[in-house]
């Protein structure tokens, strides 16, 4: 993440379910969505991308 702007600038996925998550990350990087906004996105169960909520929550505490 870019600490000054508070946005995601890239991501790496290592999972057989990367296809479920990749689209959300591509859009977030492309449009410059603030990490704090990404942390607030509701991810429905049982979708695998719900793990992003916890990851973005931790990341949001480390950026501007």
C-alpha atoms as a PDB file:
ATOM      1  CA  UNK A   1       0.000   0.000   0.000  1.00  0.00           C
ATOM      2  CA  UNK A   2       1.027   3.589  -0.517  1.00  0.00           C
ATOM      3  CA  UNK A   3       1.180   5.011   3.018  1.00  0.00           C
ATOM      4  CA  UNK A   4       0.909   8.639   1.926  1.00  0.00           C
ATOM      5  CA  UNK A   5      -2.165   8.144  -0.249  1.00  0.00           C
ATOM      6  CA  UNK A   6      -3.621   5.263   1.784  1.00  0.00           C
ATOM      7  CA  UNK A   7      -4.389   3.171  -1.291  1.00  0.00           C
ATOM      8  CA  UNK A   8      -3.573  -0.333  -2.439  1.00  0.00           C
ATOM      9  CA  UNK A   9      -0.916  -0.365  -5.178  1.00  0.00           C
ATOM     10  CA  UNK A  10      -0.542  -4.117  -5.683  1.00  0.00           C
ATOM     11  CA  UNK A  11      -1.233  -7.547  -4.240  1.00  0.00           C
ATOM     12  CA  UNK A  12       0.041 -11.110  -4.329  1.00  0.00           C
ATOM     13  CA  UNK A  13      -2.220 -14.142  -3.977  1.00  0.00           C
ATOM     14  CA  UNK A  14      -1.107 -17.701  -3.293  1.00  0.00           C
ATOM     15  CA  UNK A  15      -4.251 -19.815  -3.190  1.00  0.00           C
ATOM     16  CA  UNK A  16      -6.171 -22.174  -5.438  1.00  0.00           C
ATOM     17  CA  UNK A  17      -9.081 -19.734  -5.117  1.00  0.00           C
ATOM     18  CA  UNK A  18      -7.237 -16.655  -6.355  1.00  0.00           C
ATOM     19  CA  UNK A  19      -9.796 -16.245  -9.134  1.00  0.00           C
ATOM     20  CA  UNK A  20     -12.486 -15.452  -6.555  1.00  0.00           C
ATOM     21  CA  UNK A  21     -10.425 -12.637  -5.087  1.00  0.00           C
ATOM     22  CA  UNK A  22      -8.476 -11.216  -8.000  1.00  0.00           C
ATOM     23  CA  UNK A  23     -11.274  -9.140  -9.533  1.00  0.00           C
ATOM     24  CA  UNK A  24     -11.869  -7.160  -6.361  1.00  0.00           C
ATOM     25  CA  UNK A  25      -8.160  -6.426  -5.975  1.00  0.00           C
ATOM     26  CA  UNK A  26      -7.734  -5.359  -9.602  1.00  0.00           C
ATOM     27  CA  UNK A  27     -10.580  -2.858  -9.322  1.00  0.00           C
ATOM     28  CA  UNK A  28      -9.262  -1.534  -5.990  1.00  0.00           C
ATOM     29  CA  UNK A  29      -5.798  -0.905  -7.449  1.00  0.00           C
ATOM     30  CA  UNK A  30      -7.088   0.480 -10.765  1.00  0.00           C
ATOM     31  CA  UNK A  31      -9.405   3.104  -9.248  1.00  0.00           C
ATOM     32  CA  UNK A  32      -7.291   3.887  -6.179  1.00  0.00           C
ATOM     33  CA  UNK A  33      -9.824   2.850  -3.554  1.00  0.00           C
ATOM     34  CA  UNK A  34      -8.681   3.905  -0.057  1.00  0.00           C
ATOM     35  CA  UNK A  35      -7.610   0.957   2.104  1.00  0.00           C
ATOM     36  CA  UNK A  36      -9.965   2.135   4.869  1.00  0.00           C
ATOM     37  CA  UNK A  37     -12.874   1.873   2.418  1.00  0.00           C
ATOM     38  CA  UNK A  38     -11.753  -1.606   1.379  1.00  0.00           C
ATOM     39  CA  UNK A  39     -11.677  -2.637   5.052  1.00  0.00           C
ATOM     40  CA  UNK A  40     -15.362  -1.667   5.370  1.00  0.00           C
ATOM     41  CA  UNK A  41     -16.587  -3.769   2.416  1.00  0.00           C
ATOM     42  CA  UNK A  42     -18.982  -6.530   3.473  1.00  0.00           C
ATOM     43  CA  UNK A  43     -17.960  -9.916   2.078  1.00  0.00           C
ATOM     44  CA  UNK A  44     -20.764 -12.485   2.216  1.00  0.00           C
ATOM     45  CA  UNK A  45     -20.240 -15.946   3.650  1.00  0.00           C
ATOM     46  CA  UNK A  46     -19.230 -18.461   2.233  1.00  0.00           C
ATOM     47  CA  UNK A  47     -17.283 -16.494  -0.400  1.00  0.00           C
ATOM     48  CA  UNK A  48     -13.548 -17.011  -0.027  1.00  0.00           C
ATOM     49  CA  UNK A  49     -12.829 -13.312  -0.579  1.00  0.00           C
ATOM     50  CA  UNK A  50     -14.197 -12.554   2.900  1.00  0.00           C
ATOM     51  CA  UNK A  51     -10.597 -12.996   4.066  1.00  0.00           C
ATOM     52  CA  UNK A  52      -9.898  -9.621   2.452  1.00  0.00           C
ATOM     53  CA  UNK A  53     -11.864  -7.841   5.180  1.00  0.00           C
ATOM     54  CA  UNK A  54      -9.408  -8.920   7.862  1.00  0.00           C
ATOM     55  CA  UNK A  55      -6.400  -8.242   5.653  1.00  0.00           C
ATOM     56  CA  UNK A  56      -7.578  -4.752   4.712  1.00  0.00           C
ATOM     57  CA  UNK A  57      -8.441  -4.025   8.349  1.00  0.00           C
ATOM     58  CA  UNK A  58      -4.861  -4.764   9.379  1.00  0.00           C
ATOM     59  CA  UNK A  59      -3.468  -2.810   6.457  1.00  0.00           C
ATOM     60  CA  UNK A  60      -5.694   0.207   7.165  1.00  0.00           C
ATOM     61  CA  UNK A  61      -4.147   0.556  10.613  1.00  0.00           C
ATOM     62  CA  UNK A  62      -0.719   0.934   8.985  1.00  0.00           C
ATOM     63  CA  UNK A  63      -1.470   3.543   6.295  1.00  0.00           C
ATOM     64  CA  UNK A  64      -2.414   7.223   6.394  1.00  0.00           C
END
